[in-house]
N, C-alpha and C. Protein backbone atom coordinates (compact mmCIF):
# COMPACT_ATOMS: atom_id res chain seq x y z
N MET A 1 2.46 78.60 12.99
CA MET A 1 2.87 77.22 13.16
C MET A 1 3.88 76.86 12.09
N ASP A 2 5.01 76.29 12.48
CA ASP A 2 6.02 75.83 11.54
C ASP A 2 6.03 74.31 11.51
N VAL A 3 6.40 73.75 10.35
CA VAL A 3 6.45 72.30 10.18
C VAL A 3 7.82 71.91 9.65
N ALA A 4 8.40 70.85 10.21
CA ALA A 4 9.66 70.30 9.71
C ALA A 4 9.44 68.81 9.45
N PHE A 5 9.96 68.31 8.34
CA PHE A 5 9.73 66.92 7.96
C PHE A 5 10.90 66.01 8.29
N ASN A 6 11.96 66.58 8.87
CA ASN A 6 13.06 65.73 9.35
C ASN A 6 13.68 66.39 10.58
N GLY A 7 14.46 65.60 11.30
CA GLY A 7 15.02 66.08 12.56
C GLY A 7 15.98 67.24 12.42
N ASP A 8 16.74 67.26 11.33
CA ASP A 8 17.72 68.33 11.15
C ASP A 8 17.03 69.68 10.95
N ASP A 9 15.98 69.71 10.11
CA ASP A 9 15.23 70.95 9.92
C ASP A 9 14.52 71.35 11.22
N GLY A 10 14.00 70.34 11.92
CA GLY A 10 13.34 70.62 13.19
C GLY A 10 14.28 71.22 14.20
N HIS A 11 15.51 70.73 14.23
CA HIS A 11 16.52 71.25 15.15
C HIS A 11 16.83 72.70 14.82
N GLU A 12 16.99 73.00 13.54
CA GLU A 12 17.30 74.37 13.12
C GLU A 12 16.19 75.33 13.53
N LYS A 13 14.94 74.92 13.31
CA LYS A 13 13.81 75.78 13.67
C LYS A 13 13.72 75.97 15.18
N ALA A 14 13.90 74.89 15.93
CA ALA A 14 13.76 74.95 17.39
C ALA A 14 14.85 75.80 18.03
N MET A 15 16.03 75.87 17.40
CA MET A 15 17.12 76.66 17.97
C MET A 15 16.99 78.15 17.63
N ILE A 16 16.18 78.47 16.61
CA ILE A 16 16.00 79.86 16.20
C ILE A 16 14.74 80.47 16.82
N THR A 17 13.67 79.68 16.85
CA THR A 17 12.37 80.19 17.28
C THR A 17 11.96 79.56 18.60
N ARG A 18 11.41 80.38 19.50
CA ARG A 18 10.92 79.86 20.77
C ARG A 18 9.45 79.49 20.61
N TYR A 19 9.16 78.18 20.63
CA TYR A 19 7.80 77.68 20.50
C TYR A 19 7.20 77.40 21.87
N ASP A 20 5.90 77.62 22.01
CA ASP A 20 5.22 77.24 23.24
C ASP A 20 5.21 75.73 23.38
N VAL A 21 4.86 75.04 22.28
CA VAL A 21 4.78 73.58 22.29
C VAL A 21 5.41 73.02 21.01
N VAL A 22 6.20 71.97 21.16
CA VAL A 22 6.78 71.26 20.02
C VAL A 22 6.19 69.86 20.00
N VAL A 23 5.49 69.52 18.90
CA VAL A 23 4.97 68.16 18.72
C VAL A 23 6.04 67.40 17.94
N LEU A 24 6.60 66.38 18.56
CA LEU A 24 7.82 65.76 18.04
C LEU A 24 7.64 64.26 17.85
N ASP A 25 7.83 63.80 16.62
CA ASP A 25 7.76 62.38 16.31
C ASP A 25 9.11 61.74 16.64
N ARG A 26 9.10 60.63 17.37
CA ARG A 26 10.37 59.96 17.71
C ARG A 26 11.05 59.38 16.49
N ASP A 27 10.25 59.05 15.46
CA ASP A 27 10.80 58.35 14.29
C ASP A 27 11.08 59.28 13.12
N LEU A 28 11.74 60.39 13.39
CA LEU A 28 12.07 61.35 12.33
C LEU A 28 13.28 60.89 11.53
N PRO A 29 13.30 61.16 10.22
CA PRO A 29 14.54 60.93 9.46
C PRO A 29 15.57 61.98 9.84
N GLY A 30 16.84 61.71 9.59
CA GLY A 30 17.90 62.64 9.99
C GLY A 30 18.10 62.54 11.49
N MET A 31 18.25 63.69 12.16
CA MET A 31 18.37 63.68 13.61
C MET A 31 17.14 63.02 14.22
N SER A 32 17.35 62.08 15.11
CA SER A 32 16.22 61.36 15.70
C SER A 32 15.39 62.28 16.60
N GLY A 33 14.13 61.90 16.78
CA GLY A 33 13.27 62.66 17.67
C GLY A 33 13.82 62.68 19.09
N ASP A 34 14.41 61.56 19.54
CA ASP A 34 14.98 61.49 20.88
C ASP A 34 16.11 62.51 21.05
N LYS A 35 16.99 62.56 20.06
CA LYS A 35 18.13 63.50 20.13
C LYS A 35 17.63 64.94 20.08
N LEU A 36 16.65 65.21 19.23
CA LEU A 36 16.10 66.56 19.12
C LEU A 36 15.44 66.99 20.42
N CYS A 37 14.74 66.06 21.06
CA CYS A 37 14.12 66.36 22.36
C CYS A 37 15.20 66.75 23.37
N GLU A 38 16.27 65.99 23.42
CA GLU A 38 17.37 66.30 24.34
C GLU A 38 17.95 67.69 24.07
N GLU A 39 18.09 68.03 22.77
CA GLU A 39 18.66 69.32 22.39
C GLU A 39 17.74 70.48 22.82
N ILE A 40 16.44 70.29 22.64
CA ILE A 40 15.49 71.34 23.03
C ILE A 40 15.54 71.56 24.53
N VAL A 41 15.55 70.46 25.29
CA VAL A 41 15.60 70.56 26.76
C VAL A 41 16.90 71.21 27.20
N ALA A 42 18.03 70.81 26.58
CA ALA A 42 19.34 71.34 26.96
C ALA A 42 19.49 72.82 26.63
N SER A 43 18.70 73.32 25.65
CA SER A 43 18.82 74.71 25.24
C SER A 43 18.31 75.68 26.31
N GLY A 44 17.54 75.15 27.26
CA GLY A 44 17.02 76.01 28.32
C GLY A 44 15.75 76.76 27.95
N GLU A 45 15.25 76.52 26.72
CA GLU A 45 14.02 77.18 26.31
C GLU A 45 12.83 76.65 27.12
N LEU A 46 11.76 77.43 27.17
CA LEU A 46 10.58 77.03 27.93
C LEU A 46 9.61 76.19 27.09
N SER A 47 10.01 75.82 25.88
CA SER A 47 9.14 75.04 25.01
C SER A 47 8.77 73.71 25.67
N ARG A 48 7.48 73.35 25.60
CA ARG A 48 7.03 72.05 26.07
C ARG A 48 7.07 71.07 24.90
N VAL A 49 7.43 69.82 25.18
CA VAL A 49 7.59 68.82 24.13
C VAL A 49 6.56 67.71 24.29
N LEU A 50 5.78 67.47 23.23
CA LEU A 50 4.85 66.35 23.17
C LEU A 50 5.42 65.33 22.20
N MET A 51 5.78 64.16 22.69
CA MET A 51 6.38 63.12 21.85
C MET A 51 5.30 62.23 21.25
N LEU A 52 5.45 61.92 19.97
CA LEU A 52 4.58 60.98 19.28
C LEU A 52 5.39 59.73 18.95
N THR A 53 4.78 58.56 19.08
CA THR A 53 5.50 57.33 18.76
C THR A 53 4.54 56.26 18.27
N ALA A 54 5.07 55.32 17.52
CA ALA A 54 4.24 54.22 17.02
C ALA A 54 4.03 53.18 18.10
N SER A 55 4.79 53.26 19.18
CA SER A 55 4.68 52.27 20.25
C SER A 55 4.04 52.88 21.49
N GLY A 56 3.07 52.16 22.04
CA GLY A 56 2.43 52.63 23.25
C GLY A 56 2.89 51.90 24.49
N ALA A 57 3.98 51.12 24.35
CA ALA A 57 4.48 50.33 25.47
C ALA A 57 4.94 51.25 26.60
N VAL A 58 4.75 50.80 27.82
CA VAL A 58 5.13 51.59 28.99
C VAL A 58 6.60 51.96 28.95
N ALA A 59 7.44 51.01 28.56
CA ALA A 59 8.89 51.26 28.53
C ALA A 59 9.23 52.40 27.58
N ASP A 60 8.53 52.46 26.43
CA ASP A 60 8.78 53.54 25.46
C ASP A 60 8.32 54.88 26.01
N ARG A 61 7.18 54.89 26.71
CA ARG A 61 6.70 56.13 27.31
C ARG A 61 7.69 56.64 28.35
N VAL A 62 8.19 55.72 29.15
CA VAL A 62 9.17 56.08 30.18
C VAL A 62 10.43 56.63 29.53
N ASP A 63 10.88 55.98 28.46
CA ASP A 63 12.08 56.47 27.74
C ASP A 63 11.88 57.89 27.25
N GLY A 64 10.72 58.14 26.63
CA GLY A 64 10.45 59.46 26.08
C GLY A 64 10.41 60.53 27.16
N LEU A 65 9.75 60.22 28.26
CA LEU A 65 9.66 61.19 29.35
C LEU A 65 11.01 61.41 30.02
N SER A 66 11.84 60.37 30.07
CA SER A 66 13.16 60.51 30.69
C SER A 66 14.09 61.39 29.85
N LEU A 67 13.76 61.56 28.57
CA LEU A 67 14.55 62.44 27.70
C LEU A 67 14.21 63.91 27.93
N GLY A 68 13.12 64.15 28.68
CA GLY A 68 12.72 65.53 28.95
C GLY A 68 11.39 65.91 28.33
N ALA A 69 10.74 64.97 27.62
CA ALA A 69 9.43 65.26 27.04
C ALA A 69 8.43 65.53 28.16
N ASP A 70 7.48 66.42 27.89
CA ASP A 70 6.48 66.77 28.90
C ASP A 70 5.24 65.89 28.80
N ASP A 71 5.01 65.30 27.63
CA ASP A 71 3.86 64.42 27.46
C ASP A 71 4.18 63.45 26.33
N TYR A 72 3.35 62.43 26.21
CA TYR A 72 3.64 61.33 25.30
C TYR A 72 2.33 60.84 24.72
N LEU A 73 2.28 60.61 23.41
CA LEU A 73 1.05 60.16 22.76
C LEU A 73 1.39 59.07 21.75
N ALA A 74 0.74 57.92 21.89
CA ALA A 74 1.00 56.79 21.00
C ALA A 74 0.10 56.86 19.77
N LYS A 75 0.66 56.47 18.62
CA LYS A 75 -0.13 56.39 17.39
C LYS A 75 -0.85 55.03 17.35
N PRO A 76 -2.03 54.95 16.73
CA PRO A 76 -2.82 56.08 16.23
C PRO A 76 -3.51 56.79 17.38
N PHE A 77 -3.79 58.08 17.18
CA PHE A 77 -4.44 58.85 18.23
C PHE A 77 -5.57 59.68 17.63
N ALA A 78 -6.50 60.06 18.46
CA ALA A 78 -7.60 60.92 18.01
C ALA A 78 -7.08 62.35 17.94
N PHE A 79 -7.40 63.03 16.84
CA PHE A 79 -6.91 64.40 16.67
C PHE A 79 -7.37 65.30 17.80
N ALA A 80 -8.59 65.08 18.29
CA ALA A 80 -9.11 65.91 19.38
C ALA A 80 -8.26 65.77 20.63
N GLU A 81 -7.74 64.55 20.87
CA GLU A 81 -6.88 64.35 22.05
C GLU A 81 -5.55 65.09 21.87
N LEU A 82 -5.00 65.05 20.64
CA LEU A 82 -3.76 65.77 20.37
C LEU A 82 -3.94 67.26 20.64
N VAL A 83 -5.03 67.83 20.13
CA VAL A 83 -5.30 69.26 20.32
C VAL A 83 -5.43 69.58 21.81
N ALA A 84 -6.14 68.73 22.55
CA ALA A 84 -6.34 68.97 23.98
C ALA A 84 -5.01 68.95 24.74
N ARG A 85 -4.16 68.00 24.38
CA ARG A 85 -2.86 67.90 25.07
C ARG A 85 -1.95 69.08 24.73
N VAL A 86 -1.98 69.51 23.47
CA VAL A 86 -1.17 70.67 23.07
C VAL A 86 -1.63 71.91 23.82
N ARG A 87 -2.94 72.10 23.93
CA ARG A 87 -3.46 73.26 24.65
C ARG A 87 -3.07 73.23 26.12
N ALA A 88 -3.12 72.03 26.72
CA ALA A 88 -2.74 71.90 28.12
C ALA A 88 -1.27 72.23 28.33
N LEU A 89 -0.41 71.77 27.41
CA LEU A 89 1.02 72.07 27.51
C LEU A 89 1.28 73.56 27.29
N ALA A 90 0.53 74.16 26.37
CA ALA A 90 0.72 75.59 26.08
C ALA A 90 0.43 76.43 27.31
N ARG A 91 -0.56 76.04 28.08
CA ARG A 91 -0.88 76.78 29.31
C ARG A 91 0.27 76.70 30.31
N ARG A 92 0.95 75.57 30.32
CA ARG A 92 2.07 75.38 31.26
C ARG A 92 3.34 76.07 30.80
N SER A 93 3.41 76.41 29.50
CA SER A 93 4.64 76.99 28.97
C SER A 93 4.71 78.50 29.12
N THR A 94 3.65 79.11 29.65
CA THR A 94 3.62 80.57 29.78
C THR A 94 4.73 81.03 30.71
N PRO A 95 5.65 81.86 30.22
CA PRO A 95 6.76 82.34 31.06
C PRO A 95 6.29 83.37 32.08
N PRO A 96 7.14 83.67 33.05
CA PRO A 96 6.78 84.70 34.02
C PRO A 96 6.50 86.03 33.32
N THR A 97 5.69 86.86 33.95
CA THR A 97 5.34 88.15 33.36
C THR A 97 6.61 88.97 33.11
N PRO A 98 6.84 89.39 31.87
CA PRO A 98 8.06 90.14 31.57
C PRO A 98 7.98 91.56 32.13
N PRO A 99 9.12 92.17 32.37
CA PRO A 99 9.13 93.55 32.89
C PRO A 99 8.74 94.54 31.80
N LEU A 100 8.38 95.76 32.24
CA LEU A 100 8.09 96.82 31.29
C LEU A 100 9.38 97.22 30.58
N LEU A 101 9.28 97.52 29.29
CA LEU A 101 10.42 98.00 28.52
C LEU A 101 10.23 99.50 28.30
N ALA A 102 11.32 100.24 28.37
CA ALA A 102 11.18 101.70 28.28
C ALA A 102 12.39 102.35 27.63
N ALA A 103 12.13 103.53 27.07
CA ALA A 103 13.17 104.43 26.57
C ALA A 103 12.54 105.81 26.56
N ALA A 104 13.26 106.77 27.14
CA ALA A 104 12.71 108.13 27.28
C ALA A 104 11.35 108.03 27.98
N ASP A 105 10.30 108.59 27.38
CA ASP A 105 8.98 108.54 28.02
C ASP A 105 8.06 107.51 27.37
N VAL A 106 8.66 106.55 26.63
CA VAL A 106 7.90 105.47 26.00
C VAL A 106 7.93 104.24 26.90
N ARG A 107 6.78 103.65 27.15
CA ARG A 107 6.67 102.45 27.98
C ARG A 107 5.93 101.37 27.19
N LEU A 108 6.54 100.19 27.11
CA LEU A 108 5.94 99.06 26.43
C LEU A 108 5.73 97.94 27.44
N ASP A 109 4.50 97.45 27.52
CA ASP A 109 4.16 96.37 28.44
C ASP A 109 3.96 95.09 27.62
N PRO A 110 4.94 94.17 27.62
CA PRO A 110 4.83 92.94 26.81
C PRO A 110 3.67 92.06 27.22
N ALA A 111 3.34 92.04 28.52
CA ALA A 111 2.26 91.18 29.00
C ALA A 111 0.90 91.68 28.56
N LYS A 112 0.68 92.99 28.67
CA LYS A 112 -0.62 93.57 28.31
C LYS A 112 -0.68 93.98 26.84
N ARG A 113 0.47 93.92 26.16
CA ARG A 113 0.56 94.30 24.75
C ARG A 113 0.13 95.75 24.54
N THR A 114 0.61 96.63 25.40
CA THR A 114 0.27 98.05 25.29
C THR A 114 1.53 98.90 25.19
N VAL A 115 1.38 100.06 24.54
CA VAL A 115 2.46 101.05 24.44
C VAL A 115 1.89 102.39 24.85
N ARG A 116 2.64 103.12 25.67
CA ARG A 116 2.22 104.46 26.10
C ARG A 116 3.40 105.41 25.94
N ARG A 117 3.09 106.65 25.61
CA ARG A 117 4.12 107.69 25.58
C ARG A 117 3.62 108.88 26.37
N ASP A 118 4.42 109.30 27.33
CA ASP A 118 4.05 110.41 28.20
C ASP A 118 2.67 110.15 28.82
N GLY A 119 2.41 108.88 29.13
CA GLY A 119 1.16 108.50 29.78
C GLY A 119 0.00 108.21 28.86
N GLY A 120 0.10 108.62 27.59
CA GLY A 120 -1.01 108.42 26.65
C GLY A 120 -0.83 107.15 25.83
N PRO A 121 -1.92 106.45 25.51
CA PRO A 121 -1.82 105.20 24.74
C PRO A 121 -1.48 105.44 23.28
N ILE A 122 -0.73 104.50 22.70
CA ILE A 122 -0.39 104.54 21.28
C ILE A 122 -0.85 103.23 20.66
N GLU A 123 -1.68 103.31 19.63
CA GLU A 123 -2.18 102.11 18.97
C GLU A 123 -1.20 101.66 17.89
N LEU A 124 -0.70 100.43 18.03
CA LEU A 124 0.25 99.89 17.06
C LEU A 124 -0.29 98.59 16.48
N THR A 125 0.11 98.30 15.24
CA THR A 125 -0.21 97.01 14.65
C THR A 125 0.66 95.95 15.32
N ARG A 126 0.35 94.69 15.07
CA ARG A 126 1.14 93.59 15.65
C ARG A 126 2.62 93.69 15.26
N LYS A 127 2.88 93.98 13.99
CA LYS A 127 4.26 94.05 13.52
C LYS A 127 4.99 95.25 14.11
N GLU A 128 4.30 96.38 14.18
CA GLU A 128 4.92 97.58 14.76
C GLU A 128 5.25 97.33 16.23
N PHE A 129 4.33 96.70 16.95
CA PHE A 129 4.57 96.37 18.35
C PHE A 129 5.78 95.43 18.47
N GLY A 130 5.82 94.41 17.59
CA GLY A 130 6.92 93.45 17.62
C GLY A 130 8.27 94.10 17.37
N VAL A 131 8.32 95.01 16.40
CA VAL A 131 9.58 95.71 16.10
C VAL A 131 10.02 96.54 17.30
N LEU A 132 9.10 97.29 17.89
CA LEU A 132 9.44 98.13 19.04
C LEU A 132 9.88 97.27 20.22
N GLU A 133 9.22 96.15 20.44
CA GLU A 133 9.58 95.26 21.54
C GLU A 133 11.00 94.71 21.37
N VAL A 134 11.33 94.30 20.15
CA VAL A 134 12.67 93.77 19.90
C VAL A 134 13.73 94.85 20.10
N LEU A 135 13.45 96.06 19.60
CA LEU A 135 14.42 97.16 19.73
C LEU A 135 14.63 97.55 21.18
N LEU A 136 13.55 97.63 21.95
CA LEU A 136 13.67 97.99 23.36
C LEU A 136 14.36 96.88 24.15
N SER A 137 14.09 95.62 23.78
CA SER A 137 14.71 94.48 24.47
C SER A 137 16.21 94.42 24.25
N ALA A 138 16.68 95.05 23.17
CA ALA A 138 18.12 95.02 22.86
C ALA A 138 18.93 95.90 23.79
N GLY A 139 18.26 96.70 24.63
CA GLY A 139 18.97 97.50 25.63
C GLY A 139 19.95 98.50 25.04
N GLY A 140 19.59 99.11 23.92
CA GLY A 140 20.47 100.10 23.29
C GLY A 140 21.35 99.53 22.20
N GLY A 141 21.33 98.19 22.03
CA GLY A 141 22.13 97.56 20.98
C GLY A 141 21.49 97.71 19.61
N VAL A 142 22.30 97.54 18.59
CA VAL A 142 21.83 97.65 17.21
C VAL A 142 21.18 96.33 16.79
N VAL A 143 20.01 96.42 16.16
CA VAL A 143 19.31 95.24 15.65
C VAL A 143 19.20 95.39 14.14
N SER A 144 19.66 94.38 13.41
CA SER A 144 19.65 94.46 11.95
C SER A 144 18.24 94.24 11.40
N SER A 145 18.04 94.68 10.16
CA SER A 145 16.75 94.45 9.49
C SER A 145 16.49 92.96 9.36
N GLU A 146 17.56 92.19 9.11
CA GLU A 146 17.41 90.74 8.96
C GLU A 146 16.92 90.11 10.26
N GLU A 147 17.46 90.56 11.38
CA GLU A 147 17.04 90.01 12.68
C GLU A 147 15.60 90.39 12.98
N LEU A 148 15.22 91.63 12.68
CA LEU A 148 13.84 92.05 12.88
C LEU A 148 12.89 91.21 12.03
N LEU A 149 13.29 90.97 10.78
CA LEU A 149 12.46 90.18 9.88
C LEU A 149 12.30 88.76 10.42
N GLU A 150 13.38 88.22 10.96
CA GLU A 150 13.37 86.86 11.49
C GLU A 150 12.54 86.73 12.76
N ARG A 151 12.61 87.75 13.61
CA ARG A 151 11.96 87.66 14.92
C ARG A 151 10.51 88.15 14.95
N VAL A 152 10.16 89.05 14.04
CA VAL A 152 8.82 89.63 14.07
C VAL A 152 7.91 89.04 12.98
N TRP A 153 8.49 88.72 11.83
CA TRP A 153 7.72 88.11 10.75
C TRP A 153 7.95 86.60 10.78
N ASP A 154 7.26 85.84 9.90
CA ASP A 154 7.47 84.40 9.90
C ASP A 154 8.61 84.05 8.96
N GLU A 155 8.94 82.76 8.94
CA GLU A 155 10.11 82.31 8.19
C GLU A 155 9.96 82.43 6.68
N ASN A 156 8.74 82.67 6.20
CA ASN A 156 8.51 82.80 4.77
C ASN A 156 8.63 84.23 4.25
N ALA A 157 8.94 85.16 5.15
CA ALA A 157 9.07 86.56 4.74
C ALA A 157 10.25 86.73 3.79
N ASP A 158 10.06 87.56 2.78
CA ASP A 158 11.11 87.81 1.79
C ASP A 158 12.17 88.73 2.38
N PRO A 159 13.42 88.25 2.50
CA PRO A 159 14.47 89.07 3.10
C PRO A 159 14.85 90.29 2.26
N PHE A 160 14.37 90.36 1.02
CA PHE A 160 14.75 91.48 0.15
C PHE A 160 13.66 92.54 0.05
N THR A 161 12.60 92.40 0.83
CA THR A 161 11.53 93.40 0.78
C THR A 161 11.90 94.62 1.62
N THR A 162 11.09 95.67 1.45
CA THR A 162 11.28 96.89 2.25
C THR A 162 10.34 96.90 3.45
N THR A 163 9.80 95.73 3.78
CA THR A 163 8.81 95.61 4.85
C THR A 163 9.30 96.21 6.16
N VAL A 164 10.51 95.87 6.56
CA VAL A 164 11.03 96.36 7.85
C VAL A 164 11.16 97.88 7.81
N ARG A 165 11.72 98.41 6.75
CA ARG A 165 11.93 99.86 6.64
C ARG A 165 10.61 100.61 6.70
N VAL A 166 9.60 100.09 5.98
CA VAL A 166 8.29 100.74 5.97
C VAL A 166 7.64 100.66 7.35
N THR A 167 7.77 99.51 8.01
CA THR A 167 7.19 99.35 9.35
C THR A 167 7.85 100.29 10.35
N VAL A 168 9.17 100.41 10.29
CA VAL A 168 9.89 101.33 11.18
C VAL A 168 9.45 102.76 10.91
N MET A 169 9.24 103.10 9.64
CA MET A 169 8.84 104.46 9.28
C MET A 169 7.47 104.79 9.89
N THR A 170 6.49 103.88 9.76
CA THR A 170 5.16 104.13 10.33
C THR A 170 5.22 104.11 11.86
N LEU A 171 6.06 103.26 12.41
CA LEU A 171 6.22 103.21 13.86
C LEU A 171 6.75 104.53 14.40
N ARG A 172 7.73 105.11 13.71
CA ARG A 172 8.28 106.41 14.12
C ARG A 172 7.20 107.49 14.12
N LYS A 173 6.36 107.47 13.08
CA LYS A 173 5.29 108.48 12.99
C LYS A 173 4.33 108.35 14.17
N LYS A 174 3.97 107.12 14.51
CA LYS A 174 3.03 106.91 15.60
C LYS A 174 3.62 107.28 16.96
N LEU A 175 4.92 107.04 17.13
CA LEU A 175 5.57 107.37 18.40
C LEU A 175 5.75 108.87 18.56
N GLY A 176 5.84 109.59 17.45
CA GLY A 176 5.95 111.04 17.51
C GLY A 176 7.34 111.55 17.86
N GLU A 177 7.40 112.83 18.17
CA GLU A 177 8.67 113.51 18.46
C GLU A 177 8.83 113.73 19.96
N PRO A 178 10.07 113.78 20.43
CA PRO A 178 11.30 113.48 19.69
C PRO A 178 11.42 111.99 19.39
N GLY A 179 12.02 111.69 18.25
CA GLY A 179 12.16 110.29 17.83
C GLY A 179 13.08 109.51 18.76
N ILE A 180 12.75 108.24 18.96
CA ILE A 180 13.60 107.41 19.82
C ILE A 180 14.32 106.31 19.04
N ILE A 181 13.90 106.07 17.79
CA ILE A 181 14.52 105.00 16.99
C ILE A 181 15.55 105.61 16.05
N GLU A 182 16.79 105.20 16.21
CA GLU A 182 17.88 105.69 15.36
C GLU A 182 18.19 104.66 14.27
N THR A 183 18.54 105.17 13.08
CA THR A 183 19.04 104.31 12.01
C THR A 183 20.56 104.30 12.08
N VAL A 184 21.13 103.11 12.15
CA VAL A 184 22.59 102.96 12.13
C VAL A 184 22.95 102.48 10.72
N VAL A 185 23.46 103.39 9.92
CA VAL A 185 23.69 103.11 8.49
C VAL A 185 24.53 101.86 8.30
N GLY A 186 24.00 100.95 7.47
CA GLY A 186 24.71 99.73 7.16
C GLY A 186 24.57 98.63 8.21
N SER A 187 23.92 98.94 9.33
CA SER A 187 23.82 97.95 10.41
C SER A 187 22.38 97.63 10.81
N GLY A 188 21.55 98.67 10.97
CA GLY A 188 20.18 98.41 11.40
C GLY A 188 19.60 99.56 12.19
N TYR A 189 18.93 99.23 13.28
CA TYR A 189 18.24 100.24 14.09
C TYR A 189 18.56 100.03 15.57
N ARG A 190 18.41 101.12 16.33
CA ARG A 190 18.58 100.99 17.77
C ARG A 190 17.76 102.07 18.48
N VAL A 191 17.46 101.76 19.75
CA VAL A 191 16.81 102.73 20.63
C VAL A 191 17.80 102.98 21.77
N PRO A 192 18.51 104.13 21.75
CA PRO A 192 19.50 104.41 22.79
C PRO A 192 18.86 104.44 24.18
N GLU A 193 19.60 103.99 25.16
CA GLU A 193 19.18 104.03 26.56
C GLU A 193 17.90 103.24 26.82
N ALA A 194 17.63 102.25 26.00
CA ALA A 194 16.47 101.38 26.25
C ALA A 194 16.80 100.46 27.41
N GLY A 195 15.77 100.12 28.16
CA GLY A 195 15.98 99.22 29.30
C GLY A 195 14.66 98.80 29.90
N THR A 196 14.72 98.23 31.10
CA THR A 196 13.51 97.82 31.80
C THR A 196 13.24 98.74 32.96
N VAL A 197 11.96 98.83 33.32
CA VAL A 197 11.57 99.68 34.46
C VAL A 197 10.57 98.91 35.31
N GLN A 198 10.34 99.41 36.50
CA GLN A 198 9.35 98.80 37.39
C GLN A 198 7.95 99.16 36.91
N ALA A 199 7.05 98.21 37.06
CA ALA A 199 5.65 98.45 36.65
C ALA A 199 5.03 99.52 37.55
């Protein structure tokens, strides 16, 4: 879970990270909650937006929903109701089942969170799975260590650590030979001929 205390920081986070649900206060300093809601909706992301406001007037609820918000909650509210509404929106934000990702004889199923090589299962940690998923999703393109750190770890990860390198090293060992992850010196990593396959 990420927290932003003003609209500008919230906008930056929402444009970088795909959230299932965004709880958005209309009365944010900086970029207004209304403008941020419009930006999230316009981005085409599947994030659901729950608007919070100090006013419970019907006109304000209608305004919020017309901006693209999926739900609306007036202050003060019971925390249990907020949690229930967030959970309900999260269920609606689930995207269609993604296709299998593959390279050589490695198959990664994003929906089932499984990896197989030559038909046999490979047990990966969450981070190892995330790195492999990002690399396979790139379709043979190079992915930098910085991008992997941003997409697989949280925003507080130290960009100067060797975390990505160590994770790629253990991932290579688990995947076995022949290796499918190439190091592109000075640029990052790639899995040649990665793509999607039918389930």
